[in-house]
């Protein structure tokens, strides 16, 4: 983190005295734990700046649960990008009349092209398999899972019912299509749960295909005409 933020002096403050000498405070995520609430109050009392960091959109090779280090982070001085309750600095910028420079737009286009060419996603350990068999119907829609209890779901103003509603809607709206349900990568690791792996009724529907193995999402994007997500 210090290297990513280009900080010259970075340390963990273990007491109030040492914390008072800090110019900038860093908080990982926006979960309302006692330690984070205490830090927020302390930072406000000092009148200092605080930034919120989170895993970047292209996070790592393997998942965080597998111990793979983060290759990128997001930085926001208001709230995390997935917070639907408060307006992050990123959201403020997107809703403003701010115009990107020509160089920035061209750089973005190059990045998008590279993401497509090299099949880059948040995690990048899953194989890209051209010959994947996903049911007999030519028409397919993709339903995307998330890790159970993830803060992006809670602060995205969603819950288990949201995922059930999404799944049922996908099945009802697409009667002639195969429904491809991609479980979250963390659900494939022993002891971890996701939202969609708990709905037993989908196992009784022939045209629902559950992807309970690691596969590069780009394979599914290329085979599916529609994508359903919660947040």
C-alpha atoms as a PDB file:
ATOM      1  CA  UNK A   1       0.000   0.000   0.000  1.00  0.00           C
ATOM      2  CA  UNK A   2       2.686   2.623   0.825  1.00  0.00           C
ATOM      3  CA  UNK A   3       4.371   1.945  -2.517  1.00  0.00           C
ATOM      4  CA  UNK A   4       1.079   2.132  -4.432  1.00  0.00           C
ATOM      5  CA  UNK A   5       0.232   5.454  -2.742  1.00  0.00           C
ATOM      6  CA  UNK A   6       3.813   6.767  -3.054  1.00  0.00           C
ATOM      7  CA  UNK A   7       4.006   7.526   0.667  1.00  0.00           C
ATOM      8  CA  UNK A   8       7.385   8.469   2.073  1.00  0.00           C
ATOM      9  CA  UNK A   9       6.492   7.769   5.705  1.00  0.00           C
ATOM     10  CA  UNK A  10       3.914   5.102   6.507  1.00  0.00           C
ATOM     11  CA  UNK A  11       3.312   3.363   9.820  1.00  0.00           C
ATOM     12  CA  UNK A  12       0.575   1.856  11.965  1.00  0.00           C
ATOM     13  CA  UNK A  13      -0.257   4.121  14.899  1.00  0.00           C
ATOM     14  CA  UNK A  14      -0.685   1.995  18.014  1.00  0.00           C
ATOM     15  CA  UNK A  15      -1.564   4.850  20.365  1.00  0.00           C
ATOM     16  CA  UNK A  16      -3.146   8.307  20.308  1.00  0.00           C
ATOM     17  CA  UNK A  17       0.136  10.150  20.877  1.00  0.00           C
ATOM     18  CA  UNK A  18       1.838   8.666  17.813  1.00  0.00           C
ATOM     19  CA  UNK A  19      -1.330   9.051  15.728  1.00  0.00           C
ATOM     20  CA  UNK A  20      -1.517  12.791  16.401  1.00  0.00           C
ATOM     21  CA  UNK A  21       1.642  13.355  14.372  1.00  0.00           C
ATOM     22  CA  UNK A  22       0.162  11.846  11.194  1.00  0.00           C
ATOM     23  CA  UNK A  23      -0.945  14.067   8.315  1.00  0.00           C
ATOM     24  CA  UNK A  24      -3.030  11.486   6.462  1.00  0.00           C
ATOM     25  CA  UNK A  25      -5.013   8.487   7.672  1.00  0.00           C
ATOM     26  CA  UNK A  26      -5.807   5.396   5.621  1.00  0.00           C
ATOM     27  CA  UNK A  27      -8.761   3.063   6.104  1.00  0.00           C
ATOM     28  CA  UNK A  28      -9.317  -0.212   4.261  1.00  0.00           C
ATOM     29  CA  UNK A  29     -12.972  -0.587   3.295  1.00  0.00           C
ATOM     30  CA  UNK A  30     -16.081   0.853   4.924  1.00  0.00           C
ATOM     31  CA  UNK A  31     -17.278  -1.970   7.155  1.00  0.00           C
ATOM     32  CA  UNK A  32     -18.560  -0.351  10.339  1.00  0.00           C
ATOM     33  CA  UNK A  33     -16.333  -2.200  12.790  1.00  0.00           C
ATOM     34  CA  UNK A  34     -15.559  -0.760  16.210  1.00  0.00           C
ATOM     35  CA  UNK A  35     -11.967  -0.022  15.224  1.00  0.00           C
ATOM     36  CA  UNK A  36     -13.020   1.865  12.073  1.00  0.00           C
ATOM     37  CA  UNK A  37     -15.686   3.841  13.943  1.00  0.00           C
ATOM     38  CA  UNK A  38     -13.087   4.765  16.560  1.00  0.00           C
ATOM     39  CA  UNK A  39     -10.631   5.833  13.862  1.00  0.00           C
ATOM     40  CA  UNK A  40     -13.266   7.949  12.061  1.00  0.00           C
ATOM     41  CA  UNK A  41     -14.055   9.837  15.256  1.00  0.00           C
ATOM     42  CA  UNK A  42     -10.382  10.351  16.025  1.00  0.00           C
ATOM     43  CA  UNK A  43      -9.574  11.652  12.539  1.00  0.00           C
ATOM     44  CA  UNK A  44     -12.513  14.087  12.679  1.00  0.00           C
ATOM     45  CA  UNK A  45     -11.400  15.342  16.083  1.00  0.00           C
ATOM     46  CA  UNK A  46      -7.959  16.139  14.648  1.00  0.00           C
ATOM     47  CA  UNK A  47      -9.382  17.707  11.494  1.00  0.00           C
ATOM     48  CA  UNK A  48      -7.093  15.532   9.366  1.00  0.00           C
ATOM     49  CA  UNK A  49      -7.638  13.909   5.978  1.00  0.00           C
ATOM     50  CA  UNK A  50      -8.559  10.243   5.557  1.00  0.00           C
ATOM     51  CA  UNK A  51      -8.728   8.109   2.435  1.00  0.00           C
ATOM     52  CA  UNK A  52     -10.558   4.835   1.883  1.00  0.00           C
ATOM     53  CA  UNK A  53      -8.743   2.153  -0.065  1.00  0.00           C
ATOM     54  CA  UNK A  54     -10.096  -1.082  -1.489  1.00  0.00           C
ATOM     55  CA  UNK A  55      -9.030  -3.864  -3.812  1.00  0.00           C
ATOM     56  CA  UNK A  56      -8.747  -2.603  -7.376  1.00  0.00           C
ATOM     57  CA  UNK A  57     -10.946  -3.782 -10.227  1.00  0.00           C
ATOM     58  CA  UNK A  58      -8.061  -5.885 -11.521  1.00  0.00           C
ATOM     59  CA  UNK A  59      -7.055  -7.363  -8.213  1.00  0.00           C
ATOM     60  CA  UNK A  60      -4.649 -10.246  -8.597  1.00  0.00           C
ATOM     61  CA  UNK A  61      -3.707 -13.536 -10.225  1.00  0.00           C
ATOM     62  CA  UNK A  62      -5.462 -15.835  -7.742  1.00  0.00           C
ATOM     63  CA  UNK A  63      -8.080 -14.791  -5.175  1.00  0.00           C
ATOM     64  CA  UNK A  64      -7.375 -12.972  -1.947  1.00  0.00           C
ATOM     65  CA  UNK A  65      -8.510 -16.038   0.007  1.00  0.00           C
ATOM     66  CA  UNK A  66      -5.714 -17.955  -1.681  1.00  0.00           C
ATOM     67  CA  UNK A  67      -3.212 -15.420  -0.400  1.00  0.00           C
ATOM     68  CA  UNK A  68      -2.573 -13.721  -3.730  1.00  0.00           C
ATOM     69  CA  UNK A  69      -1.333 -10.145  -3.142  1.00  0.00           C
ATOM     70  CA  UNK A  70      -3.278  -7.206  -4.560  1.00  0.00           C
ATOM     71  CA  UNK A  71      -1.884  -5.728  -7.771  1.00  0.00           C
ATOM     72  CA  UNK A  72      -4.067  -2.623  -7.623  1.00  0.00           C
ATOM     73  CA  UNK A  73      -6.159  -0.574  -5.219  1.00  0.00           C
ATOM     74  CA  UNK A  74      -8.856   2.079  -5.477  1.00  0.00           C
ATOM     75  CA  UNK A  75      -8.510   5.314  -3.535  1.00  0.00           C
ATOM     76  CA  UNK A  76     -11.394   7.602  -2.545  1.00  0.00           C
ATOM     77  CA  UNK A  77     -11.509  10.339   0.077  1.00  0.00           C
ATOM     78  CA  UNK A  78     -15.304  10.074   0.577  1.00  0.00           C
ATOM     79  CA  UNK A  79     -16.399   6.432   0.527  1.00  0.00           C
ATOM     80  CA  UNK A  80     -15.864   3.179  -1.354  1.00  0.00           C
ATOM     81  CA  UNK A  81     -16.978   2.965  -4.983  1.00  0.00           C
ATOM     82  CA  UNK A  82     -19.583   0.266  -4.168  1.00  0.00           C
ATOM     83  CA  UNK A  83     -21.381   2.409  -1.585  1.00  0.00           C
ATOM     84  CA  UNK A  84     -24.921   3.053  -2.889  1.00  0.00           C
ATOM     85  CA  UNK A  85     -25.886   4.975   0.254  1.00  0.00           C
ATOM     86  CA  UNK A  86     -23.288   7.734  -0.045  1.00  0.00           C
ATOM     87  CA  UNK A  87     -21.859   9.381  -3.159  1.00  0.00           C
ATOM     88  CA  UNK A  88     -18.192   8.509  -3.636  1.00  0.00           C
ATOM     89  CA  UNK A  89     -15.676  10.882  -5.195  1.00  0.00           C
ATOM     90  CA  UNK A  90     -15.666   8.622  -8.270  1.00  0.00           C
ATOM     91  CA  UNK A  91     -19.452   8.916  -8.593  1.00  0.00           C
ATOM     92  CA  UNK A  92     -19.288  12.681  -8.099  1.00  0.00           C
ATOM     93  CA  UNK A  93     -16.735  12.932 -10.884  1.00  0.00           C
ATOM     94  CA  UNK A  94     -18.831  10.789 -13.238  1.00  0.00           C
ATOM     95  CA  UNK A  95     -21.927  12.927 -12.598  1.00  0.00           C
ATOM     96  CA  UNK A  96     -20.097  16.230 -13.019  1.00  0.00           C
ATOM     97  CA  UNK A  97     -19.325  18.139 -16.212  1.00  0.00           C
ATOM     98  CA  UNK A  98     -15.660  17.185 -15.918  1.00  0.00           C
ATOM     99  CA  UNK A  99     -14.182  16.337 -19.307  1.00  0.00           C
ATOM    100  CA  UNK A 100     -11.377  13.851 -19.792  1.00  0.00           C
ATOM    101  CA  UNK A 101      -8.380  14.910 -21.816  1.00  0.00           C
ATOM    102  CA  UNK A 102      -7.719  13.420 -25.246  1.00  0.00           C
ATOM    103  CA  UNK A 103      -4.696  11.525 -23.872  1.00  0.00           C
ATOM    104  CA  UNK A 104      -6.767  10.080 -21.031  1.00  0.00           C
ATOM    105  CA  UNK A 105      -9.490   8.895 -23.412  1.00  0.00           C
ATOM    106  CA  UNK A 106      -6.947   7.268 -25.723  1.00  0.00           C
ATOM    107  CA  UNK A 107      -5.272   5.565 -22.760  1.00  0.00           C
ATOM    108  CA  UNK A 108      -8.664   4.239 -21.630  1.00  0.00           C
ATOM    109  CA  UNK A 109      -9.335   2.844 -25.118  1.00  0.00           C
ATOM    110  CA  UNK A 110      -5.964   1.065 -25.112  1.00  0.00           C
ATOM    111  CA  UNK A 111      -6.682  -0.391 -21.673  1.00  0.00           C
ATOM    112  CA  UNK A 112     -10.124  -1.651 -22.755  1.00  0.00           C
ATOM    113  CA  UNK A 113      -8.555  -3.233 -25.825  1.00  0.00           C
ATOM    114  CA  UNK A 114      -5.953  -5.007 -23.679  1.00  0.00           C
ATOM    115  CA  UNK A 115      -8.602  -6.265 -21.245  1.00  0.00           C
ATOM    116  CA  UNK A 116     -10.450  -7.873 -24.146  1.00  0.00           C
ATOM    117  CA  UNK A 117      -7.399  -9.211 -25.938  1.00  0.00           C
ATOM    118  CA  UNK A 118      -5.806 -10.821 -22.890  1.00  0.00           C
ATOM    119  CA  UNK A 119      -9.098 -11.809 -21.173  1.00  0.00           C
ATOM    120  CA  UNK A 120      -8.294  -9.852 -18.011  1.00  0.00           C
ATOM    121  CA  UNK A 121     -10.734  -9.909 -15.055  1.00  0.00           C
ATOM    122  CA  UNK A 122     -10.651  -9.215 -11.315  1.00  0.00           C
ATOM    123  CA  UNK A 123      -8.990 -12.581 -10.633  1.00  0.00           C
ATOM    124  CA  UNK A 124      -6.876 -14.169 -13.348  1.00  0.00           C
ATOM    125  CA  UNK A 125      -6.140 -17.759 -12.354  1.00  0.00           C
ATOM    126  CA  UNK A 126      -9.054 -19.436 -14.136  1.00  0.00           C
ATOM    127  CA  UNK A 127      -8.398 -21.113 -17.511  1.00  0.00           C
ATOM    128  CA  UNK A 128      -9.783 -19.897 -20.802  1.00  0.00           C
ATOM    129  CA  UNK A 129     -11.421 -22.914 -22.476  1.00  0.00           C
ATOM    130  CA  UNK A 130     -12.897 -22.524 -25.972  1.00  0.00           C
ATOM    131  CA  UNK A 131     -14.617 -25.916 -26.022  1.00  0.00           C
ATOM    132  CA  UNK A 132     -16.715 -25.432 -22.878  1.00  0.00           C
ATOM    133  CA  UNK A 133     -20.126 -27.162 -23.165  1.00  0.00           C
ATOM    134  CA  UNK A 134     -22.900 -25.126 -21.548  1.00  0.00           C
ATOM    135  CA  UNK A 135     -26.167 -26.783 -22.509  1.00  0.00           C
ATOM    136  CA  UNK A 136     -27.911 -27.463 -25.814  1.00  0.00           C
ATOM    137  CA  UNK A 137     -29.723 -24.159 -26.401  1.00  0.00           C
ATOM    138  CA  UNK A 138     -28.096 -21.630 -28.703  1.00  0.00           C
ATOM    139  CA  UNK A 139     -29.502 -18.818 -26.560  1.00  0.00           C
ATOM    140  CA  UNK A 140     -27.863 -18.412 -23.155  1.00  0.00           C
ATOM    141  CA  UNK A 141     -27.985 -15.827 -20.384  1.00  0.00           C
ATOM    142  CA  UNK A 142     -25.475 -15.419 -17.571  1.00  0.00           C
ATOM    143  CA  UNK A 143     -26.384 -14.929 -13.905  1.00  0.00           C
ATOM    144  CA  UNK A 144     -23.491 -13.658 -11.780  1.00  0.00           C
ATOM    145  CA  UNK A 145     -22.942 -14.659  -8.158  1.00  0.00           C
ATOM    146  CA  UNK A 146     -21.239 -12.752  -5.323  1.00  0.00           C
ATOM    147  CA  UNK A 147     -19.584 -13.788  -2.090  1.00  0.00           C
ATOM    148  CA  UNK A 148     -22.032 -14.119   0.786  1.00  0.00           C
ATOM    149  CA  UNK A 149     -21.881 -11.221   3.249  1.00  0.00           C
ATOM    150  CA  UNK A 150     -19.600  -9.129   1.063  1.00  0.00           C
ATOM    151  CA  UNK A 151     -19.649  -5.440   1.920  1.00  0.00           C
ATOM    152  CA  UNK A 152     -20.295  -4.555  -1.734  1.00  0.00           C
ATOM    153  CA  UNK A 153     -23.662  -6.336  -1.415  1.00  0.00           C
ATOM    154  CA  UNK A 154     -24.573  -4.840   1.962  1.00  0.00           C
ATOM    155  CA  UNK A 155     -23.625  -1.291   0.949  1.00  0.00           C
ATOM    156  CA  UNK A 156     -25.079  -1.937  -2.482  1.00  0.00           C
ATOM    157  CA  UNK A 157     -28.444  -2.073  -0.663  1.00  0.00           C
ATOM    158  CA  UNK A 158     -28.955  -5.735  -1.559  1.00  0.00           C
ATOM    159  CA  UNK A 159     -29.386  -9.038   0.294  1.00  0.00           C
ATOM    160  CA  UNK A 160     -30.183 -12.710  -0.238  1.00  0.00           C
ATOM    161  CA  UNK A 161     -33.680 -11.856  -1.502  1.00  0.00           C
ATOM    162  CA  UNK A 162     -32.117  -9.680  -4.203  1.00  0.00           C
ATOM    163  CA  UNK A 163     -30.213 -12.660  -5.587  1.00  0.00           C
ATOM    164  CA  UNK A 164     -33.273 -14.886  -5.480  1.00  0.00           C
ATOM    165  CA  UNK A 165     -35.271 -12.215  -7.326  1.00  0.00           C
ATOM    166  CA  UNK A 166     -32.537 -11.869  -9.956  1.00  0.00           C
ATOM    167  CA  UNK A 167     -32.341 -15.610 -10.506  1.00  0.00           C
ATOM    168  CA  UNK A 168     -36.111 -16.084 -10.799  1.00  0.00           C
ATOM    169  CA  UNK A 169     -36.346 -13.087 -13.131  1.00  0.00           C
ATOM    170  CA  UNK A 170     -33.642 -14.505 -15.402  1.00  0.00           C
ATOM    171  CA  UNK A 171     -35.449 -17.855 -15.599  1.00  0.00           C
ATOM    172  CA  UNK A 172     -38.863 -16.306 -16.253  1.00  0.00           C
ATOM    173  CA  UNK A 173     -37.697 -13.687 -18.756  1.00  0.00           C
ATOM    174  CA  UNK A 174     -35.778 -16.196 -20.886  1.00  0.00           C
ATOM    175  CA  UNK A 175     -37.953 -19.324 -21.316  1.00  0.00           C
ATOM    176  CA  UNK A 176     -36.101 -20.425 -24.475  1.00  0.00           C
ATOM    177  CA  UNK A 177     -32.591 -19.916 -23.085  1.00  0.00           C
ATOM    178  CA  UNK A 178     -30.129 -21.854 -20.980  1.00  0.00           C
ATOM    179  CA  UNK A 179     -29.510 -20.079 -17.659  1.00  0.00           C
ATOM    180  CA  UNK A 180     -25.795 -20.133 -16.859  1.00  0.00           C
ATOM    181  CA  UNK A 181     -25.200 -19.541 -13.144  1.00  0.00           C
ATOM    182  CA  UNK A 182     -21.574 -18.683 -12.391  1.00  0.00           C
ATOM    183  CA  UNK A 183     -20.707 -19.239  -8.745  1.00  0.00           C
ATOM    184  CA  UNK A 184     -18.283 -16.826  -7.115  1.00  0.00           C
ATOM    185  CA  UNK A 185     -14.645 -18.047  -7.077  1.00  0.00           C
ATOM    186  CA  UNK A 186     -14.633 -17.921  -3.267  1.00  0.00           C
ATOM    187  CA  UNK A 187     -17.553 -20.398  -3.233  1.00  0.00           C
ATOM    188  CA  UNK A 188     -15.268 -22.947  -4.858  1.00  0.00           C
ATOM    189  CA  UNK A 189     -12.909 -22.788  -1.881  1.00  0.00           C
ATOM    190  CA  UNK A 190     -13.876 -25.063   0.996  1.00  0.00           C
ATOM    191  CA  UNK A 191     -15.806 -23.358   3.797  1.00  0.00           C
ATOM    192  CA  UNK A 192     -16.829 -20.228   1.889  1.00  0.00           C
ATOM    193  CA  UNK A 193     -20.362 -19.445   0.743  1.00  0.00           C
ATOM    194  CA  UNK A 194     -21.909 -17.343  -1.985  1.00  0.00           C
ATOM    195  CA  UNK A 195     -25.472 -16.188  -2.570  1.00  0.00           C
ATOM    196  CA  UNK A 196     -26.467 -18.404  -5.474  1.00  0.00           C
ATOM    197  CA  UNK A 197     -25.011 -21.689  -4.236  1.00  0.00           C
ATOM    198  CA  UNK A 198     -27.747 -21.956  -1.589  1.00  0.00           C
ATOM    199  CA  UNK A 199     -30.799 -22.114  -3.886  1.00  0.00           C
ATOM    200  CA  UNK A 200     -31.601 -25.817  -4.188  1.00  0.00           C
ATOM    201  CA  UNK A 201     -34.551 -25.305  -6.568  1.00  0.00           C
ATOM    202  CA  UNK A 202     -32.284 -24.406  -9.504  1.00  0.00           C
ATOM    203  CA  UNK A 203     -30.819 -27.923  -9.464  1.00  0.00           C
ATOM    204  CA  UNK A 204     -34.238 -29.255 -10.490  1.00  0.00           C
ATOM    205  CA  UNK A 205     -34.445 -27.072 -13.621  1.00  0.00           C
ATOM    206  CA  UNK A 206     -32.885 -28.798 -16.646  1.00  0.00           C
ATOM    207  CA  UNK A 207     -31.906 -25.643 -18.503  1.00  0.00           C
ATOM    208  CA  UNK A 208     -30.038 -24.169 -15.541  1.00  0.00           C
ATOM    209  CA  UNK A 209     -26.309 -24.866 -15.830  1.00  0.00           C
ATOM    210  CA  UNK A 210     -24.306 -24.237 -12.662  1.00  0.00           C
ATOM    211  CA  UNK A 211     -20.685 -23.290 -13.294  1.00  0.00           C
ATOM    212  CA  UNK A 212     -19.118 -24.673 -10.120  1.00  0.00           C
ATOM    213  CA  UNK A 213     -15.570 -24.751 -11.457  1.00  0.00           C
ATOM    214  CA  UNK A 214     -12.963 -22.135 -12.303  1.00  0.00           C
ATOM    215  CA  UNK A 215     -13.384 -20.640 -15.756  1.00  0.00           C
ATOM    216  CA  UNK A 216     -12.366 -17.293 -17.189  1.00  0.00           C
ATOM    217  CA  UNK A 217     -15.515 -15.110 -17.272  1.00  0.00           C
ATOM    218  CA  UNK A 218     -14.707 -13.981 -20.815  1.00  0.00           C
ATOM    219  CA  UNK A 219     -15.591 -17.500 -22.002  1.00  0.00           C
ATOM    220  CA  UNK A 220     -19.095 -17.008 -20.600  1.00  0.00           C
ATOM    221  CA  UNK A 221     -19.420 -13.452 -21.932  1.00  0.00           C
ATOM    222  CA  UNK A 222     -18.750 -14.748 -25.442  1.00  0.00           C
ATOM    223  CA  UNK A 223     -21.358 -17.504 -25.134  1.00  0.00           C
ATOM    224  CA  UNK A 224     -24.123 -15.511 -23.426  1.00  0.00           C
ATOM    225  CA  UNK A 225     -26.256 -12.758 -24.956  1.00  0.00           C
ATOM    226  CA  UNK A 226     -27.394 -11.227 -21.664  1.00  0.00           C
ATOM    227  CA  UNK A 227     -25.880 -10.792 -18.185  1.00  0.00           C
ATOM    228  CA  UNK A 228     -27.767 -10.453 -14.869  1.00  0.00           C
ATOM    229  CA  UNK A 229     -26.073  -8.887 -11.827  1.00  0.00           C
ATOM    230  CA  UNK A 230     -27.167  -7.586  -8.419  1.00  0.00           C
ATOM    231  CA  UNK A 231     -24.493  -4.940  -7.782  1.00  0.00           C
END
